[in-house]
Amino acid sequence: MHLRKITLVNFKNFESQTFDFQTKINCFVGDNGVGKTNILDAIYYLSFAKSYFNPVATQNIRHSEEFFMVEGEYQINDKVDTVVCSLKRGHKKVVKRNGKVYDKFSDHIGYLPLVIISPADRDLITDGSDIRRKFIDNVISQSDNKYLQTVIKYNKVLAQRNSLLKYFALNRTFDAINLKVYDEQLMKYGSVIYEKRIAFLEEFIPIFKNRYEAISNGIEKVNLVYKTQLNEIGFLELFEQNLERDRVLQYTSSGIHKDDLTFEIDGYSIKKFGSQGQQKSYLIALKLAQFDFIKKQSKVKPILLLDDIFDKLDDMRVTQIINLVNNNEFGQLFISDTHKERTENAVKITKQPYKIFQL
């Protein structure tokens, strides 16, 4: 699978532009602010029907315009597929494949597997548990749509339970039987999610450790630790234990929606004790492991986006990453960088076909 070309209309800073791509490596170079990352985000949009960088869909429309459209033409085995994402102000987003509109965006997830590595990934280390759970769910969902649908159902029931708790507080009433109905549904969906996450991490963690070792030359040891309340107690007991707390807080304070990952380097928190270079290497290894996992599950090499990847990495770590690309494990690759010479020198080492776009 590879992206043959992309057309952007009123997407972020692009009025109307088409890019034809090389099957292996494509590089966007230029000063900050010219739109390099925006092109990568448009490619991401075609896989996930949303921006990686801006959750407010209308803010991806070019200033003073009424709509945006991103169209991608993909070579998938012996056929050509066209995917279009568009949004008009005041209307719902539309995603089409070969002219047919998707009823649910979630049905599209996993069709065009993709992994992005970006400075924005630092949020995985610095932000709350929500973003790390989304990381787990994103990786599993690209090769398991049933898992994605289960997460969607769990979150829908969770929102209903929270609404009921707010209703009870507002009306100074309480009905444990009504609440129990939601508890049982959360247990049903949550148990599936919990088991899937456990199985995923058992397979994923060794892949991640191998990737980090390759990037760092084995200088440090890293680990991922899964934190979940379900290791200690069952779902229904957990809800019963926290019932009074939920009534006071007016939301569901326990469950798999509180799961987290702890990032460790040499046994310590990488957030507190990791250098900037170590943190970046950690995140790159995490994303390359994501690539490996999805490739294994889907039997397809995902598209790989490297946004400003060379910044804050020393020469040794850059060389290790380029060597990983050089061994033909990857499919199509998109790179953004501010230094044309640095990028061209790096991709020449791979001896793979490449194309450079000067913006």
Protein backbone atom coordinates (compact mmCIF):
# COMPACT_ATOMS: atom_id res chain seq x y z
CA MET A 1 0.00 0.00 0.00
CA HIS A 2 1.19 3.52 -0.77
CA LEU A 3 -0.25 7.02 -1.27
CA ARG A 4 0.16 8.04 -4.90
CA LYS A 5 -0.98 11.64 -4.57
CA ILE A 6 -2.85 14.03 -2.31
CA THR A 7 -4.89 17.15 -3.08
CA LEU A 8 -5.51 19.83 -0.46
CA VAL A 9 -8.21 22.49 -0.88
CA ASN A 10 -8.53 25.15 1.85
CA PHE A 11 -6.82 22.82 4.32
CA LYS A 12 -5.02 24.92 6.94
CA ASN A 13 -2.58 27.20 5.06
CA PHE A 14 -3.07 25.55 1.62
CA GLU A 15 -5.49 27.13 -0.83
CA SER A 16 -5.26 24.44 -3.52
CA GLN A 17 -2.33 22.13 -4.09
CA THR A 18 -1.59 18.61 -5.31
CA PHE A 19 1.49 16.53 -4.45
CA ASP A 20 2.54 13.41 -6.38
CA PHE A 21 4.54 11.02 -4.24
CA GLN A 22 7.41 8.58 -4.54
CA THR A 23 6.57 5.03 -3.47
CA LYS A 24 9.29 4.95 -0.76
CA ILE A 25 10.54 8.22 0.80
CA ASN A 26 9.03 11.71 0.53
CA CYS A 27 10.54 14.72 2.30
CA PHE A 28 9.03 18.15 2.94
CA VAL A 29 11.65 20.78 3.74
CA GLY A 30 11.45 24.50 4.42
CA ASP A 31 11.27 27.11 7.13
CA ASN A 32 8.94 26.86 10.11
CA GLY A 33 5.38 27.90 9.31
CA VAL A 34 5.34 27.02 5.59
CA GLY A 35 3.04 24.01 6.04
CA LYS A 36 5.30 20.94 6.20
CA THR A 37 3.48 19.49 9.21
CA ASN A 38 0.12 20.43 7.69
CA ILE A 39 0.76 18.08 4.75
CA LEU A 40 1.60 15.25 7.14
CA ASP A 41 -1.56 16.05 9.08
CA ALA A 42 -3.61 15.87 5.87
CA ILE A 43 -2.18 12.38 5.22
CA TYR A 44 -3.08 11.45 8.82
CA TYR A 45 -6.59 12.83 8.23
CA LEU A 46 -7.14 10.39 5.36
CA SER A 47 -6.46 7.44 7.69
CA PHE A 48 -8.31 8.60 10.82
CA ALA A 49 -10.89 11.15 9.58
CA LYS A 50 -9.47 13.70 12.02
CA SER A 51 -6.43 15.88 12.62
CA TYR A 52 -3.55 14.64 14.76
CA PHE A 53 -2.82 18.16 15.97
CA ASN A 54 -6.14 20.01 16.20
CA PRO A 55 -9.28 18.28 17.59
CA VAL A 56 -11.52 21.21 16.52
CA ALA A 57 -12.42 20.19 12.97
CA THR A 58 -13.49 23.65 11.77
CA GLN A 59 -10.09 25.08 12.73
CA ASN A 60 -8.57 23.00 9.92
CA ILE A 61 -10.47 25.14 7.39
CA ARG A 62 -8.32 27.86 5.83
CA HIS A 63 -8.99 31.33 7.24
CA SER A 64 -12.02 33.09 5.69
CA GLU A 65 -13.01 29.99 3.67
CA GLU A 66 -16.21 27.96 4.08
CA PHE A 67 -14.89 24.40 3.66
CA PHE A 68 -11.87 22.16 3.31
CA MET A 69 -11.28 19.02 1.28
CA VAL A 70 -8.46 16.47 1.38
CA GLU A 71 -8.33 13.81 -1.32
CA GLY A 72 -5.88 10.92 -1.44
CA GLU A 73 -5.25 8.38 -4.17
CA TYR A 74 -3.86 5.06 -2.87
CA GLN A 75 -2.35 2.08 -4.61
CA ILE A 76 -3.53 -0.98 -2.67
CA ASN A 77 -2.24 -4.18 -4.24
CA ASP A 78 -3.52 -4.07 -7.84
CA LYS A 79 -6.27 -1.47 -7.36
CA VAL A 80 -6.48 2.29 -6.87
CA ASP A 81 -8.64 3.65 -4.03
CA THR A 82 -9.68 7.26 -3.56
CA VAL A 83 -10.44 8.61 -0.08
CA VAL A 84 -11.95 12.07 0.46
CA CYS A 85 -12.42 13.92 3.76
CA SER A 86 -14.33 17.19 3.66
CA LEU A 87 -16.02 19.63 6.01
CA LYS A 88 -18.25 22.63 5.38
CA ARG A 89 -18.93 25.12 8.16
CA GLY A 90 -22.25 24.34 9.84
CA HIS A 91 -22.36 20.83 8.38
CA LYS A 92 -21.17 17.39 9.41
CA LYS A 93 -17.82 16.07 8.28
CA VAL A 94 -17.98 13.70 5.30
CA VAL A 95 -15.62 10.79 4.61
CA LYS A 96 -15.90 8.88 1.32
CA ARG A 97 -14.05 5.91 -0.14
CA ASN A 98 -14.41 5.44 -3.90
CA GLY A 99 -17.41 7.79 -3.86
CA LYS A 100 -19.30 5.95 -1.09
CA VAL A 101 -19.97 7.91 2.12
CA TYR A 102 -19.17 6.20 5.42
CA ASP A 103 -22.10 6.03 7.85
CA LYS A 104 -19.62 5.68 10.76
CA PHE A 105 -16.06 7.05 10.68
CA SER A 106 -15.00 4.15 12.91
CA ASP A 107 -15.63 1.76 9.98
CA HIS A 108 -12.75 3.46 8.14
CA ILE A 109 -10.19 3.11 10.95
CA GLY A 110 -7.57 0.50 10.09
CA TYR A 111 -8.25 0.49 6.34
CA LEU A 112 -5.23 2.76 5.72
CA PRO A 113 -2.84 1.87 8.58
CA LEU A 114 -0.59 4.75 9.57
CA VAL A 115 1.83 5.74 12.34
CA ILE A 116 3.01 9.28 13.05
CA ILE A 117 6.07 10.32 15.06
CA SER A 118 5.97 13.99 16.05
CA PRO A 119 7.20 16.45 18.69
CA ALA A 120 3.55 16.57 19.78
CA ASP A 121 4.01 12.99 21.05
CA ARG A 122 5.71 14.47 24.11
CA ASP A 123 2.16 14.84 25.47
CA LEU A 124 2.29 11.07 26.05
CA ILE A 125 4.90 11.71 28.73
CA THR A 126 3.77 15.07 30.14
CA ASP A 127 -0.04 14.91 29.99
CA GLY A 128 -2.64 12.90 31.93
CA SER A 129 -3.58 9.24 31.63
CA ASP A 130 -6.28 9.91 29.02
CA ILE A 131 -3.74 10.42 26.22
CA ARG A 132 -1.87 7.20 27.09
CA ARG A 133 -5.11 5.20 27.07
CA LYS A 134 -5.91 6.67 23.66
CA PHE A 135 -2.48 5.53 22.48
CA ILE A 136 -3.23 1.92 23.52
CA ASP A 137 -6.70 2.07 21.96
CA ASN A 138 -5.36 3.58 18.72
CA VAL A 139 -2.77 0.83 18.27
CA ILE A 140 -5.20 -2.03 18.95
CA SER A 141 -8.04 -0.47 16.92
CA GLN A 142 -6.06 -0.22 13.68
CA SER A 143 -6.04 -4.01 13.42
CA ASP A 144 -9.14 -4.84 15.51
CA ASN A 145 -12.30 -2.93 14.63
CA LYS A 146 -14.37 -5.00 17.11
CA TYR A 147 -12.19 -3.61 19.89
CA LEU A 148 -12.80 -0.06 18.65
CA GLN A 149 -16.57 -0.64 18.58
CA THR A 150 -16.40 -2.03 22.15
CA VAL A 151 -14.53 1.09 23.35
CA ILE A 152 -17.15 3.30 21.67
CA LYS A 153 -19.97 1.36 23.38
CA TYR A 154 -18.21 1.51 26.76
CA ASN A 155 -17.75 5.28 26.48
CA LYS A 156 -21.39 5.74 25.49
CA VAL A 157 -22.63 3.80 28.53
CA LEU A 158 -20.12 5.64 30.74
CA ALA A 159 -21.53 8.98 29.57
CA GLN A 160 -25.07 7.73 30.33
CA ARG A 161 -24.07 6.61 33.84
CA ASN A 162 -22.42 9.99 34.49
CA SER A 163 -25.54 11.79 33.28
CA LEU A 164 -27.65 9.71 35.66
CA LEU A 165 -25.36 10.55 38.60
CA LYS A 166 -25.72 14.26 37.76
CA TYR A 167 -29.50 13.84 37.51
CA PHE A 168 -29.60 12.21 40.95
CA ALA A 169 -27.62 15.09 42.48
CA LEU A 170 -29.71 17.74 40.76
CA ASN A 171 -33.00 16.19 41.86
CA ARG A 172 -31.80 15.02 45.27
CA THR A 173 -32.82 11.46 44.55
CA PHE A 174 -31.09 8.12 44.06
CA ASP A 175 -31.99 4.81 42.40
CA ALA A 176 -29.39 2.07 42.84
CA ILE A 177 -31.28 -0.34 40.54
CA ASN A 178 -31.13 2.07 37.59
CA LEU A 179 -27.44 2.62 38.20
CA LYS A 180 -26.83 -1.14 38.37
CA VAL A 181 -28.08 -1.51 34.78
CA TYR A 182 -25.22 0.72 33.60
CA ASP A 183 -22.73 -1.03 35.91
CA GLU A 184 -23.50 -4.38 34.28
CA GLN A 185 -23.10 -2.95 30.78
CA LEU A 186 -19.80 -1.31 31.74
CA MET A 187 -18.62 -4.64 33.15
CA LYS A 188 -19.60 -6.42 29.92
CA TYR A 189 -17.71 -4.05 27.62
CA GLY A 190 -14.97 -3.18 30.09
CA SER A 191 -13.99 -6.81 30.66
CA VAL A 192 -13.38 -7.25 26.93
CA ILE A 193 -11.29 -4.05 26.80
CA TYR A 194 -9.29 -5.06 29.88
CA GLU A 195 -8.44 -8.52 28.49
CA LYS A 196 -7.49 -7.05 25.09
CA ARG A 197 -5.22 -4.44 26.68
CA ILE A 198 -3.48 -7.09 28.81
CA ALA A 199 -2.91 -9.33 25.77
CA PHE A 200 -1.74 -6.38 23.66
CA LEU A 201 0.83 -5.19 26.19
CA GLU A 202 2.22 -8.69 26.69
CA GLU A 203 3.09 -8.69 22.99
CA PHE A 204 3.88 -4.99 22.63
CA ILE A 205 6.32 -4.41 25.53
CA PRO A 206 9.09 -6.75 24.23
CA ILE A 207 8.82 -5.14 20.76
CA PHE A 208 9.14 -1.70 22.35
CA LYS A 209 12.18 -2.71 24.41
CA ASN A 210 13.92 -4.07 21.30
CA ARG A 211 13.24 -0.85 19.40
CA TYR A 212 14.63 1.31 22.19
CA GLU A 213 17.73 -0.85 22.47
CA ALA A 214 18.37 -0.42 18.73
CA ILE A 215 18.00 3.38 18.92
CA SER A 216 20.10 3.84 22.08
CA ASN A 217 22.69 1.13 21.35
CA GLY A 218 21.62 -0.59 24.58
CA ILE A 219 22.82 2.27 26.79
CA GLU A 220 19.65 2.31 28.93
CA LYS A 221 16.89 -0.14 29.89
CA VAL A 222 13.27 0.90 29.49
CA ASN A 223 9.90 -0.47 30.51
CA LEU A 224 6.15 0.11 30.27
CA VAL A 225 4.01 -0.64 33.32
CA TYR A 226 0.25 -1.11 32.95
CA LYS A 227 -1.69 0.43 35.84
CA THR A 228 -5.30 -0.69 36.20
CA GLN A 229 -7.73 -1.03 39.11
CA LEU A 230 -8.93 -4.32 37.59
CA ASN A 231 -5.76 -6.12 38.67
CA GLU A 232 -6.94 -5.91 42.28
CA ILE A 233 -10.73 -6.21 42.16
CA GLY A 234 -13.64 -7.14 39.89
CA PHE A 235 -15.78 -4.59 38.03
CA LEU A 236 -18.97 -4.76 40.09
CA GLU A 237 -17.08 -4.76 43.39
CA LEU A 238 -15.14 -1.73 42.15
CA PHE A 239 -18.34 0.18 41.37
CA GLU A 240 -19.91 -0.78 44.71
CA GLN A 241 -16.78 0.27 46.58
CA ASN A 242 -16.82 3.70 44.93
CA LEU A 243 -20.57 4.28 44.90
CA GLU A 244 -20.66 6.99 47.56
CA ARG A 245 -17.66 8.72 46.00
CA ASP A 246 -19.39 8.68 42.59
CA ARG A 247 -22.54 10.21 44.13
CA VAL A 248 -20.51 13.08 45.56
CA LEU A 249 -18.36 13.62 42.46
CA GLN A 250 -21.32 13.11 40.07
CA TYR A 251 -19.23 11.00 37.71
CA THR A 252 -17.83 7.44 37.51
CA SER A 253 -14.51 7.52 39.32
CA SER A 254 -13.41 3.92 38.68
CA GLY A 255 -13.15 1.50 35.75
CA ILE A 256 -10.98 0.82 32.71
CA HIS A 257 -11.39 4.48 31.69
CA LYS A 258 -8.92 5.20 34.51
CA ASP A 259 -6.20 2.84 33.22
CA ASP A 260 -2.71 4.26 32.70
CA LEU A 261 0.79 3.43 31.45
CA THR A 262 3.90 4.31 33.44
CA PHE A 263 6.97 5.09 31.30
CA GLU A 264 10.24 4.01 32.94
CA ILE A 265 13.95 4.28 32.12
CA ASP A 266 16.45 2.33 34.25
CA GLY A 267 13.63 1.80 36.77
CA TYR A 268 12.74 5.50 37.15
CA SER A 269 10.02 7.72 35.70
CA ILE A 270 11.20 9.06 32.35
CA LYS A 271 9.05 12.16 32.92
CA LYS A 272 11.05 13.08 36.03
CA PHE A 273 14.49 11.64 35.28
CA GLY A 274 14.82 11.29 31.49
CA SER A 275 16.83 13.81 29.46
CA GLN A 276 15.23 15.48 26.43
CA GLY A 277 17.10 13.12 24.09
CA GLN A 278 16.12 10.06 26.13
CA GLN A 279 12.47 11.12 26.16
CA LYS A 280 12.49 11.63 22.40
CA SER A 281 14.19 8.26 21.83
CA TYR A 282 11.63 6.64 24.15
CA LEU A 283 8.73 8.09 22.16
CA ILE A 284 10.26 7.13 18.81
CA ALA A 285 10.76 3.56 20.07
CA LEU A 286 7.14 3.55 21.27
CA LYS A 287 5.88 4.60 17.85
CA LEU A 288 8.16 2.23 15.93
CA ALA A 289 6.85 -0.58 18.15
CA GLN A 290 3.35 0.58 17.22
CA PHE A 291 4.39 0.28 13.57
CA ASP A 292 5.74 -3.25 14.13
CA PHE A 293 2.62 -4.38 15.97
CA ILE A 294 0.18 -3.04 13.36
CA LYS A 295 2.27 -4.49 10.52
CA LYS A 296 2.23 -7.92 12.16
CA GLN A 297 -1.50 -7.85 12.87
CA SER A 298 -2.69 -6.38 9.55
CA LYS A 299 -0.01 -7.94 7.28
CA VAL A 300 0.38 -4.44 5.75
CA LYS A 301 3.27 -1.99 6.17
CA PRO A 302 1.65 1.16 7.61
CA ILE A 303 2.49 4.55 6.16
CA LEU A 304 5.04 6.20 8.47
CA LEU A 305 5.08 9.97 9.08
CA LEU A 306 8.20 11.48 10.70
CA ASP A 307 7.50 15.08 11.71
CA ASP A 308 10.64 17.05 12.63
CA ILE A 309 12.21 13.81 13.86
CA PHE A 310 15.85 14.93 13.72
CA ASP A 311 15.40 17.80 16.15
CA LYS A 312 16.98 17.24 19.60
CA LEU A 313 18.55 13.88 18.65
CA ASP A 314 22.30 13.41 18.65
CA ASP A 315 24.10 12.04 15.56
CA MET A 316 24.35 8.52 17.00
CA ARG A 317 20.60 8.23 17.54
CA VAL A 318 19.80 9.75 14.12
CA THR A 319 22.13 7.20 12.49
CA GLN A 320 20.43 4.35 14.33
CA ILE A 321 16.99 5.49 13.14
CA ILE A 322 18.16 5.83 9.53
CA ASN A 323 19.67 2.34 9.72
CA LEU A 324 16.28 1.02 10.80
CA VAL A 325 14.71 2.58 7.69
CA ASN A 326 17.54 1.19 5.56
CA ASN A 327 16.72 -2.47 6.23
CA ASN A 328 13.49 -2.31 4.20
CA GLU A 329 11.18 -3.04 7.15
CA PHE A 330 9.19 0.05 6.25
CA GLY A 331 6.87 0.87 3.38
CA GLN A 332 6.16 4.46 2.39
CA LEU A 333 7.79 7.15 4.49
CA PHE A 334 7.06 10.89 4.82
CA ILE A 335 9.56 13.20 6.54
CA SER A 336 9.41 16.88 7.45
CA ASP A 337 12.49 18.91 8.40
CA THR A 338 13.75 22.49 8.36
CA HIS A 339 17.19 21.53 6.96
CA LYS A 340 17.17 20.28 3.36
CA GLU A 341 20.83 19.25 3.36
CA ARG A 342 20.50 17.30 6.62
CA THR A 343 17.43 15.48 5.33
CA GLU A 344 18.89 14.68 1.93
CA ASN A 345 22.13 13.38 3.45
CA ALA A 346 20.10 11.16 5.80
CA VAL A 347 17.82 9.64 3.15
CA LYS A 348 20.67 9.08 0.67
CA ILE A 349 22.15 6.60 3.16
CA THR A 350 19.06 4.40 2.78
CA LYS A 351 19.72 3.91 -0.96
CA GLN A 352 15.94 3.99 -1.38
CA PRO A 353 14.06 6.05 -4.00
CA TYR A 354 13.18 9.48 -2.57
CA LYS A 355 11.60 12.80 -3.51
CA ILE A 356 12.16 16.17 -1.83
CA PHE A 357 9.53 18.91 -1.80
CA GLN A 358 10.92 22.39 -1.05
CA LEU A 359 8.12 24.49 0.46
